[in-house]
Amino acid sequence: MAKPTIAFLGATGGCINACLAHTLQNGYHAIALARTPSKLIALLRTQNINQETLDSQLRIITGDATDPEAVKNTLLLRPSSATPPTLISHIISGIGATGHLRGWAFEFDQPHICEEATRALLTALQNIYSTYPEFLTNRPLITILSGMGVDPSQRQLDVPFLLRRVYHGLLHVPHADKWAMEEMLGERKARELFRGVVIVRPGSLLTGDHMLGSGYGVEKVRVGTEREKPAVGWTIPRADVGEWVFREVVVGGGERWVDEKVTLTCW
């Protein structure tokens, strides 16, 4: 069976860039939406992804994740002008605000980016289904990167006690944004647009960068779910998050984790 083509949103972020690098290295094809394609290419080249692989396996759409038309172009596979498009089967999103420390507080460049990008994604899919209603029988699975501690009802349970005050104090803006994203994807009308939703919540503090091999190794990752028991911990490397998503979603299909909020941590 042919390997699926994977759509990536937020692929210049450390976790998702690592996932994309694994995807390309293992012979899968991918489509990535990027505001600055040269930045994405440069990051992938540091991952030892050669130009031949980039040319043959990766298609980059220039645009913003908050633009429904750019997202729509990312989700539709167009083999040629002579053949009708097909809808992507897997979406992996790591959209999130970039923070900068100012004194004792973080300032975020786009504090509502997750909410805005989710709205654009839902609009794009609605537009696709209105044009190609047959795609409703083959809807995509979406995997989103959220964060530990974003759920207001769980904040005293899924973050180590000594981190809670600082963690929630510094990161309340992106946490509120990611929670809004989760809530939007949990609504009935939104869920009807997807085959399933997988929410990944990496443990308290992300460490390291996008580079493959810079983590502890995916075999050291502890996995839990909100439904049963979350994996509570201090840190997890971005490279390990990316590899876990690659193994479980790209290779494994992700069906095991549909409708779950998966927590990942190393220690």
C-alpha atoms as a PDB file:
ATOM      1  CA  MET A   1       0.000   0.000   0.000  1.00  0.00           C
ATOM      2  CA  ALA A   2       1.295   3.453  -0.911  1.00  0.00           C
ATOM      3  CA  LYS A   3       2.506   5.658   1.906  1.00  0.00           C
ATOM      4  CA  PRO A   4       0.181   8.599   2.663  1.00  0.00           C
ATOM      5  CA  THR A   5       1.157  12.188   1.972  1.00  0.00           C
ATOM      6  CA  ILE A   6       1.169  14.200   5.211  1.00  0.00           C
ATOM      7  CA  ALA A   7       0.196  17.877   5.526  1.00  0.00           C
ATOM      8  CA  PHE A   8       2.181  19.930   8.048  1.00  0.00           C
ATOM      9  CA  LEU A   9       1.228  23.249   9.642  1.00  0.00           C
ATOM     10  CA  GLY A  10       3.794  25.012  11.842  1.00  0.00           C
ATOM     11  CA  ALA A  11       6.678  22.967  10.431  1.00  0.00           C
ATOM     12  CA  THR A  12       9.368  25.473  11.420  1.00  0.00           C
ATOM     13  CA  GLY A  13       8.667  24.753  15.087  1.00  0.00           C
ATOM     14  CA  GLY A  14      11.067  22.337  16.780  1.00  0.00           C
ATOM     15  CA  CYS A  15       8.708  19.418  17.460  1.00  0.00           C
ATOM     16  CA  ILE A  16       6.955  19.466  14.109  1.00  0.00           C
ATOM     17  CA  ASN A  17      10.166  20.107  12.172  1.00  0.00           C
ATOM     18  CA  ALA A  18      11.649  16.987  13.742  1.00  0.00           C
ATOM     19  CA  CYS A  19       8.523  15.041  12.765  1.00  0.00           C
ATOM     20  CA  LEU A  20       8.725  16.359   9.199  1.00  0.00           C
ATOM     21  CA  ALA A  21      12.419  15.436   8.969  1.00  0.00           C
ATOM     22  CA  HIS A  22      11.659  11.856  10.070  1.00  0.00           C
ATOM     23  CA  THR A  23       8.810  11.762   7.551  1.00  0.00           C
ATOM     24  CA  LEU A  24      11.042  12.745   4.638  1.00  0.00           C
ATOM     25  CA  GLN A  25      13.946  10.552   5.728  1.00  0.00           C
ATOM     26  CA  ASN A  26      11.652   7.538   5.715  1.00  0.00           C
ATOM     27  CA  GLY A  27      10.369   8.012   2.189  1.00  0.00           C
ATOM     28  CA  TYR A  28       7.028   9.708   2.816  1.00  0.00           C
ATOM     29  CA  HIS A  29       5.782  12.676   0.832  1.00  0.00           C
ATOM     30  CA  ALA A  30       4.720  15.856   2.620  1.00  0.00           C
ATOM     31  CA  ILE A  31       3.103  19.228   2.025  1.00  0.00           C
ATOM     32  CA  ALA A  32       4.037  22.070   4.371  1.00  0.00           C
ATOM     33  CA  LEU A  33       2.541  25.529   4.719  1.00  0.00           C
ATOM     34  CA  ALA A  34       5.198  28.130   5.536  1.00  0.00           C
ATOM     35  CA  ARG A  35       5.298  31.907   5.636  1.00  0.00           C
ATOM     36  CA  THR A  36       9.012  31.794   4.815  1.00  0.00           C
ATOM     37  CA  PRO A  37       9.877  28.696   2.757  1.00  0.00           C
ATOM     38  CA  SER A  38      13.607  29.497   2.858  1.00  0.00           C
ATOM     39  CA  LYS A  39      13.555  29.185   6.672  1.00  0.00           C
ATOM     40  CA  LEU A  40      11.874  25.799   6.502  1.00  0.00           C
ATOM     41  CA  ILE A  41      14.318  24.561   3.863  1.00  0.00           C
ATOM     42  CA  ALA A  42      17.294  25.776   5.904  1.00  0.00           C
ATOM     43  CA  LEU A  43      16.051  23.933   8.994  1.00  0.00           C
ATOM     44  CA  LEU A  44      15.552  20.728   7.036  1.00  0.00           C
ATOM     45  CA  ARG A  45      19.005  20.985   5.488  1.00  0.00           C
ATOM     46  CA  THR A  46      20.495  21.112   8.990  1.00  0.00           C
ATOM     47  CA  GLN A  47      18.680  17.791   9.527  1.00  0.00           C
ATOM     48  CA  ASN A  48      20.713  16.310   6.639  1.00  0.00           C
ATOM     49  CA  ILE A  49      17.724  16.299   4.300  1.00  0.00           C
ATOM     50  CA  ASN A  50      19.350  16.652   0.872  1.00  0.00           C
ATOM     51  CA  GLN A  51      18.063  18.786  -1.971  1.00  0.00           C
ATOM     52  CA  GLU A  52      17.008  15.787  -4.029  1.00  0.00           C
ATOM     53  CA  THR A  53      14.699  14.649  -1.222  1.00  0.00           C
ATOM     54  CA  LEU A  54      13.300  18.145  -0.786  1.00  0.00           C
ATOM     55  CA  ASP A  55      12.619  18.408  -4.520  1.00  0.00           C
ATOM     56  CA  SER A  56      11.002  14.993  -4.884  1.00  0.00           C
ATOM     57  CA  GLN A  57       9.145  14.501  -1.593  1.00  0.00           C
ATOM     58  CA  LEU A  58       8.252  17.936  -0.201  1.00  0.00           C
ATOM     59  CA  ARG A  59       5.880  20.532  -1.581  1.00  0.00           C
ATOM     60  CA  ILE A  60       5.917  23.887   0.219  1.00  0.00           C
ATOM     61  CA  ILE A  61       2.929  26.215   0.044  1.00  0.00           C
ATOM     62  CA  THR A  62       3.842  29.838   0.737  1.00  0.00           C
ATOM     63  CA  GLY A  63       1.282  31.413   3.016  1.00  0.00           C
ATOM     64  CA  ASP A  64      -0.067  31.957   6.506  1.00  0.00           C
ATOM     65  CA  ALA A  65      -1.900  29.371   8.597  1.00  0.00           C
ATOM     66  CA  THR A  66      -4.553  31.983   9.419  1.00  0.00           C
ATOM     67  CA  ASP A  67      -5.450  32.327   5.725  1.00  0.00           C
ATOM     68  CA  PRO A  68      -8.178  29.790   4.754  1.00  0.00           C
ATOM     69  CA  GLU A  69      -7.174  29.865   1.083  1.00  0.00           C
ATOM     70  CA  ALA A  70      -3.534  29.035   1.870  1.00  0.00           C
ATOM     71  CA  VAL A  71      -4.658  26.232   4.184  1.00  0.00           C
ATOM     72  CA  LYS A  72      -7.030  24.920   1.502  1.00  0.00           C
ATOM     73  CA  ASN A  73      -4.158  24.758  -0.992  1.00  0.00           C
ATOM     74  CA  THR A  74      -2.138  22.792   1.557  1.00  0.00           C
ATOM     75  CA  LEU A  75      -4.849  20.198   2.089  1.00  0.00           C
ATOM     76  CA  LEU A  76      -5.543  19.428  -1.571  1.00  0.00           C
ATOM     77  CA  LEU A  77      -3.250  17.120  -3.531  1.00  0.00           C
ATOM     78  CA  ARG A  78      -3.001  18.187  -7.160  1.00  0.00           C
ATOM     79  CA  PRO A  79      -0.986  15.618  -9.145  1.00  0.00           C
ATOM     80  CA  SER A  80      -1.488  17.562 -12.386  1.00  0.00           C
ATOM     81  CA  SER A  81      -3.784  20.074 -14.008  1.00  0.00           C
ATOM     82  CA  ALA A  82      -5.372  17.239 -15.967  1.00  0.00           C
ATOM     83  CA  THR A  83      -6.459  15.225 -12.921  1.00  0.00           C
ATOM     84  CA  PRO A  84      -8.913  16.199 -10.168  1.00  0.00           C
ATOM     85  CA  PRO A  85      -7.471  16.961  -6.728  1.00  0.00           C
ATOM     86  CA  THR A  86      -7.669  14.605  -3.760  1.00  0.00           C
ATOM     87  CA  LEU A  87      -7.890  15.458  -0.086  1.00  0.00           C
ATOM     88  CA  ILE A  88      -4.968  14.893   2.250  1.00  0.00           C
ATOM     89  CA  SER A  89      -5.458  12.011   4.715  1.00  0.00           C
ATOM     90  CA  HIS A  90      -3.364  13.290   7.642  1.00  0.00           C
ATOM     91  CA  ILE A  91      -2.815  16.793   9.047  1.00  0.00           C
ATOM     92  CA  ILE A  92      -0.151  17.436  11.693  1.00  0.00           C
ATOM     93  CA  SER A  93      -0.192  20.900  13.251  1.00  0.00           C
ATOM     94  CA  GLY A  94       2.231  22.547  15.649  1.00  0.00           C
ATOM     95  CA  ILE A  95       0.968  26.118  15.340  1.00  0.00           C
ATOM     96  CA  GLY A  96       1.825  28.253  18.370  1.00  0.00           C
ATOM     97  CA  ALA A  97       2.834  31.737  19.462  1.00  0.00           C
ATOM     98  CA  THR A  98       6.484  32.717  19.727  1.00  0.00           C
ATOM     99  CA  GLY A  99       7.401  34.243  23.076  1.00  0.00           C
ATOM    100  CA  HIS A 100      10.092  36.715  24.061  1.00  0.00           C
ATOM    101  CA  LEU A 101      11.164  37.340  27.638  1.00  0.00           C
ATOM    102  CA  ARG A 102      10.726  40.981  28.664  1.00  0.00           C
ATOM    103  CA  GLY A 103      11.826  41.505  32.245  1.00  0.00           C
ATOM    104  CA  TRP A 104       9.866  38.992  34.330  1.00  0.00           C
ATOM    105  CA  ALA A 105       7.201  38.280  31.731  1.00  0.00           C
ATOM    106  CA  PHE A 106       6.845  36.761  28.277  1.00  0.00           C
ATOM    107  CA  GLU A 107       5.446  38.750  25.401  1.00  0.00           C
ATOM    108  CA  PHE A 108       3.920  36.838  22.503  1.00  0.00           C
ATOM    109  CA  ASP A 109       3.884  38.007  18.905  1.00  0.00           C
ATOM    110  CA  GLN A 110       0.547  36.389  17.978  1.00  0.00           C
ATOM    111  CA  PRO A 111      -1.300  35.594  21.214  1.00  0.00           C
ATOM    112  CA  HIS A 112      -4.331  34.148  19.413  1.00  0.00           C
ATOM    113  CA  ILE A 113      -2.544  32.302  16.600  1.00  0.00           C
ATOM    114  CA  CYS A 114      -3.857  28.831  17.558  1.00  0.00           C
ATOM    115  CA  GLU A 115      -7.448  30.027  17.661  1.00  0.00           C
ATOM    116  CA  GLU A 116      -7.096  31.966  14.399  1.00  0.00           C
ATOM    117  CA  ALA A 117      -5.345  29.101  12.601  1.00  0.00           C
ATOM    118  CA  THR A 118      -7.963  26.610  13.775  1.00  0.00           C
ATOM    119  CA  ARG A 119     -10.730  28.842  12.484  1.00  0.00           C
ATOM    120  CA  ALA A 120      -8.942  29.075   9.123  1.00  0.00           C
ATOM    121  CA  LEU A 121      -8.531  25.290   8.999  1.00  0.00           C
ATOM    122  CA  LEU A 122     -12.219  24.689   9.696  1.00  0.00           C
ATOM    123  CA  THR A 123     -13.196  27.259   7.072  1.00  0.00           C
ATOM    124  CA  ALA A 124     -10.848  25.676   4.531  1.00  0.00           C
ATOM    125  CA  LEU A 125     -12.340  22.222   5.062  1.00  0.00           C
ATOM    126  CA  GLN A 126     -15.891  23.554   4.860  1.00  0.00           C
ATOM    127  CA  ASN A 127     -15.021  25.182   1.538  1.00  0.00           C
ATOM    128  CA  ILE A 128     -13.429  21.976   0.265  1.00  0.00           C
ATOM    129  CA  TYR A 129     -16.467  19.853   1.161  1.00  0.00           C
ATOM    130  CA  SER A 130     -18.850  22.344  -0.432  1.00  0.00           C
ATOM    131  CA  THR A 131     -16.888  22.021  -3.689  1.00  0.00           C
ATOM    132  CA  TYR A 132     -16.074  18.310  -3.424  1.00  0.00           C
ATOM    133  CA  PRO A 133     -18.800  16.696  -1.264  1.00  0.00           C
ATOM    134  CA  GLU A 134     -17.403  13.252  -2.125  1.00  0.00           C
ATOM    135  CA  PHE A 135     -14.419  14.009   0.126  1.00  0.00           C
ATOM    136  CA  LEU A 136     -16.702  13.678   3.158  1.00  0.00           C
ATOM    137  CA  THR A 137     -16.283   9.914   2.851  1.00  0.00           C
ATOM    138  CA  ASN A 138     -12.496  10.217   3.253  1.00  0.00           C
ATOM    139  CA  ARG A 139     -11.991  12.950   5.820  1.00  0.00           C
ATOM    140  CA  PRO A 140      -8.509  13.640   7.246  1.00  0.00           C
ATOM    141  CA  LEU A 141      -7.198  12.747  10.674  1.00  0.00           C
ATOM    142  CA  ILE A 142      -5.775  15.779  12.474  1.00  0.00           C
ATOM    143  CA  THR A 143      -3.051  15.660  15.117  1.00  0.00           C
ATOM    144  CA  ILE A 144      -2.413  18.899  16.998  1.00  0.00           C
ATOM    145  CA  LEU A 145       0.380  19.855  19.359  1.00  0.00           C
ATOM    146  CA  SER A 146      -1.091  21.492  22.437  1.00  0.00           C
ATOM    147  CA  GLY A 147       0.467  21.745  25.897  1.00  0.00           C
ATOM    148  CA  MET A 148       0.376  20.259  29.357  1.00  0.00           C
ATOM    149  CA  GLY A 149      -1.583  22.381  31.804  1.00  0.00           C
ATOM    150  CA  VAL A 150      -3.819  24.144  29.281  1.00  0.00           C
ATOM    151  CA  ASP A 151      -7.053  22.644  30.620  1.00  0.00           C
ATOM    152  CA  PRO A 152      -8.313  24.945  33.433  1.00  0.00           C
ATOM    153  CA  SER A 153      -9.924  21.989  35.233  1.00  0.00           C
ATOM    154  CA  GLN A 154      -6.697  19.922  35.208  1.00  0.00           C
ATOM    155  CA  ARG A 155      -4.018  22.498  36.000  1.00  0.00           C
ATOM    156  CA  GLN A 156      -3.388  21.187  39.493  1.00  0.00           C
ATOM    157  CA  LEU A 157      -3.072  17.609  38.281  1.00  0.00           C
ATOM    158  CA  ASP A 158      -0.874  17.421  35.195  1.00  0.00           C
ATOM    159  CA  VAL A 159       2.029  19.725  36.125  1.00  0.00           C
ATOM    160  CA  PRO A 160       4.611  19.044  38.886  1.00  0.00           C
ATOM    161  CA  PHE A 161       3.749  20.984  42.060  1.00  0.00           C
ATOM    162  CA  LEU A 162       6.934  23.080  42.146  1.00  0.00           C
ATOM    163  CA  LEU A 163       6.392  24.285  38.572  1.00  0.00           C
ATOM    164  CA  ARG A 164       2.748  25.308  38.790  1.00  0.00           C
ATOM    165  CA  ARG A 165       2.993  28.947  39.849  1.00  0.00           C
ATOM    166  CA  VAL A 166       5.804  29.873  37.432  1.00  0.00           C
ATOM    167  CA  TYR A 167       4.546  27.650  34.610  1.00  0.00           C
ATOM    168  CA  HIS A 168       0.991  28.962  34.563  1.00  0.00           C
ATOM    169  CA  GLY A 169       2.058  32.518  35.364  1.00  0.00           C
ATOM    170  CA  LEU A 170       4.482  32.884  32.474  1.00  0.00           C
ATOM    171  CA  LEU A 171       2.534  30.864  29.955  1.00  0.00           C
ATOM    172  CA  HIS A 172      -1.068  31.827  30.650  1.00  0.00           C
ATOM    173  CA  VAL A 173      -1.405  33.586  27.263  1.00  0.00           C
ATOM    174  CA  PRO A 174      -0.395  30.649  25.003  1.00  0.00           C
ATOM    175  CA  HIS A 175      -2.182  28.217  27.322  1.00  0.00           C
ATOM    176  CA  ALA A 176      -5.443  30.136  26.893  1.00  0.00           C
ATOM    177  CA  ASP A 177      -4.887  30.146  23.137  1.00  0.00           C
ATOM    178  CA  LYS A 178      -4.215  26.403  22.968  1.00  0.00           C
ATOM    179  CA  TRP A 179      -7.214  25.699  25.187  1.00  0.00           C
ATOM    180  CA  ALA A 180      -9.380  27.737  22.807  1.00  0.00           C
ATOM    181  CA  MET A 181      -7.992  25.601  19.958  1.00  0.00           C
ATOM    182  CA  GLU A 182      -8.848  22.380  21.781  1.00  0.00           C
ATOM    183  CA  GLU A 183     -12.344  23.624  22.576  1.00  0.00           C
ATOM    184  CA  MET A 184     -12.981  24.590  18.949  1.00  0.00           C
ATOM    185  CA  LEU A 185     -11.894  21.171  17.697  1.00  0.00           C
ATOM    186  CA  GLY A 186     -14.080  19.506  20.304  1.00  0.00           C
ATOM    187  CA  GLU A 187     -17.293  21.084  19.019  1.00  0.00           C
ATOM    188  CA  ARG A 188     -19.622  18.736  17.155  1.00  0.00           C
ATOM    189  CA  LYS A 189     -19.639  20.706  13.883  1.00  0.00           C
ATOM    190  CA  ALA A 190     -15.842  20.829  13.871  1.00  0.00           C
ATOM    191  CA  ARG A 191     -15.450  17.116  14.598  1.00  0.00           C
ATOM    192  CA  GLU A 192     -17.680  16.298  11.631  1.00  0.00           C
ATOM    193  CA  LEU A 193     -14.987  17.746   9.364  1.00  0.00           C
ATOM    194  CA  PHE A 194     -12.378  15.199  10.448  1.00  0.00           C
ATOM    195  CA  ARG A 195     -12.019  11.439  10.605  1.00  0.00           C
ATOM    196  CA  GLY A 196     -10.658  11.943  14.092  1.00  0.00           C
ATOM    197  CA  VAL A 197      -8.754  14.343  16.335  1.00  0.00           C
ATOM    198  CA  VAL A 198      -5.564  13.504  18.266  1.00  0.00           C
ATOM    199  CA  ILE A 199      -4.392  16.062  20.821  1.00  0.00           C
ATOM    200  CA  VAL A 200      -0.775  15.758  21.985  1.00  0.00           C
ATOM    201  CA  ARG A 201       0.237  17.561  25.181  1.00  0.00           C
ATOM    202  CA  PRO A 202       4.022  17.473  25.723  1.00  0.00           C
ATOM    203  CA  GLY A 203       5.234  17.634  29.309  1.00  0.00           C
ATOM    204  CA  SER A 204       5.729  20.806  31.219  1.00  0.00           C
ATOM    205  CA  LEU A 205       8.906  22.266  29.659  1.00  0.00           C
ATOM    206  CA  LEU A 206      10.093  21.582  26.124  1.00  0.00           C
ATOM    207  CA  THR A 207      13.872  21.387  25.832  1.00  0.00           C
ATOM    208  CA  GLY A 208      16.389  21.271  23.011  1.00  0.00           C
ATOM    209  CA  ASP A 209      15.776  22.200  19.405  1.00  0.00           C
ATOM    210  CA  HIS A 210      14.593  20.538  16.201  1.00  0.00           C
ATOM    211  CA  MET A 211      17.709  18.437  15.642  1.00  0.00           C
ATOM    212  CA  LEU A 212      17.161  14.703  15.323  1.00  0.00           C
ATOM    213  CA  GLY A 213      19.047  12.718  17.906  1.00  0.00           C
ATOM    214  CA  SER A 214      19.255  15.615  20.365  1.00  0.00           C
ATOM    215  CA  GLY A 215      16.778  14.062  22.814  1.00  0.00           C
ATOM    216  CA  TYR A 216      16.824  11.098  25.177  1.00  0.00           C
ATOM    217  CA  GLY A 217      15.308   8.792  22.562  1.00  0.00           C
ATOM    218  CA  VAL A 218      11.657   8.034  21.972  1.00  0.00           C
ATOM    219  CA  GLU A 219      11.925   4.811  23.978  1.00  0.00           C
ATOM    220  CA  LYS A 220      12.409   6.993  27.086  1.00  0.00           C
ATOM    221  CA  VAL A 221       9.146   8.877  26.528  1.00  0.00           C
ATOM    222  CA  ARG A 222       6.420   8.176  29.089  1.00  0.00           C
ATOM    223  CA  VAL A 223       2.918   8.290  27.615  1.00  0.00           C
ATOM    224  CA  GLY A 224      -0.396   8.870  29.349  1.00  0.00           C
ATOM    225  CA  THR A 225      -3.873  10.111  28.508  1.00  0.00           C
ATOM    226  CA  GLU A 226      -6.268  12.478  30.216  1.00  0.00           C
ATOM    227  CA  ARG A 227      -8.966   9.790  30.017  1.00  0.00           C
ATOM    228  CA  GLU A 228      -6.936   7.350  32.106  1.00  0.00           C
ATOM    229  CA  LYS A 229      -3.798   8.753  33.735  1.00  0.00           C
ATOM    230  CA  PRO A 230      -1.665  11.650  32.418  1.00  0.00           C
ATOM    231  CA  ALA A 231       2.104  11.284  32.318  1.00  0.00           C
ATOM    232  CA  VAL A 232       3.233  14.032  34.701  1.00  0.00           C
ATOM    233  CA  GLY A 233       6.831  15.214  34.404  1.00  0.00           C
ATOM    234  CA  TRP A 234       9.247  18.090  34.155  1.00  0.00           C
ATOM    235  CA  THR A 235      10.658  18.087  30.638  1.00  0.00           C
ATOM    236  CA  ILE A 236      10.710  16.458  27.249  1.00  0.00           C
ATOM    237  CA  PRO A 237      13.004  17.280  24.303  1.00  0.00           C
ATOM    238  CA  ARG A 238      11.362  18.642  21.171  1.00  0.00           C
ATOM    239  CA  ALA A 239      13.146  16.014  19.093  1.00  0.00           C
ATOM    240  CA  ASP A 240      11.517  13.231  21.122  1.00  0.00           C
ATOM    241  CA  VAL A 241       8.042  14.748  20.709  1.00  0.00           C
ATOM    242  CA  GLY A 242       8.586  14.925  16.960  1.00  0.00           C
ATOM    243  CA  GLU A 243       9.768  11.338  16.761  1.00  0.00           C
ATOM    244  CA  TRP A 244       6.841  10.094  18.851  1.00  0.00           C
ATOM    245  CA  VAL A 245       4.349  11.827  16.552  1.00  0.00           C
ATOM    246  CA  PHE A 246       6.147  10.394  13.523  1.00  0.00           C
ATOM    247  CA  ARG A 247       6.074   6.836  14.848  1.00  0.00           C
ATOM    248  CA  GLU A 248       2.533   6.888  16.209  1.00  0.00           C
ATOM    249  CA  VAL A 249       0.759   9.033  13.625  1.00  0.00           C
ATOM    250  CA  VAL A 250       2.740   8.948  10.373  1.00  0.00           C
ATOM    251  CA  VAL A 251       3.833   5.299  10.592  1.00  0.00           C
ATOM    252  CA  GLY A 252       1.158   3.962  12.936  1.00  0.00           C
ATOM    253  CA  GLY A 253      -1.735   5.886  11.399  1.00  0.00           C
ATOM    254  CA  GLY A 254      -2.765   7.538  14.670  1.00  0.00           C
ATOM    255  CA  GLU A 255      -6.022   5.615  15.018  1.00  0.00           C
ATOM    256  CA  ARG A 256      -4.991   4.298  18.435  1.00  0.00           C
ATOM    257  CA  TRP A 257      -5.017   7.848  19.792  1.00  0.00           C
ATOM    258  CA  VAL A 258      -8.185   9.230  18.180  1.00  0.00           C
ATOM    259  CA  ASP A 259     -10.266  11.271  20.644  1.00  0.00           C
ATOM    260  CA  GLU A 260      -7.466  11.096  23.213  1.00  0.00           C
ATOM    261  CA  LYS A 261      -5.512  13.884  24.855  1.00  0.00           C
ATOM    262  CA  VAL A 262      -2.075  12.299  25.005  1.00  0.00           C
ATOM    263  CA  THR A 263       0.495  13.518  27.519  1.00  0.00           C
ATOM    264  CA  LEU A 264       4.199  12.967  26.873  1.00  0.00           C
ATOM    265  CA  THR A 265       7.127  13.457  29.212  1.00  0.00           C
ATOM    266  CA  CYS A 266      10.571  12.018  29.831  1.00  0.00           C
ATOM    267  CA  TRP A 267      11.249  12.916  33.462  1.00  0.00           C
END
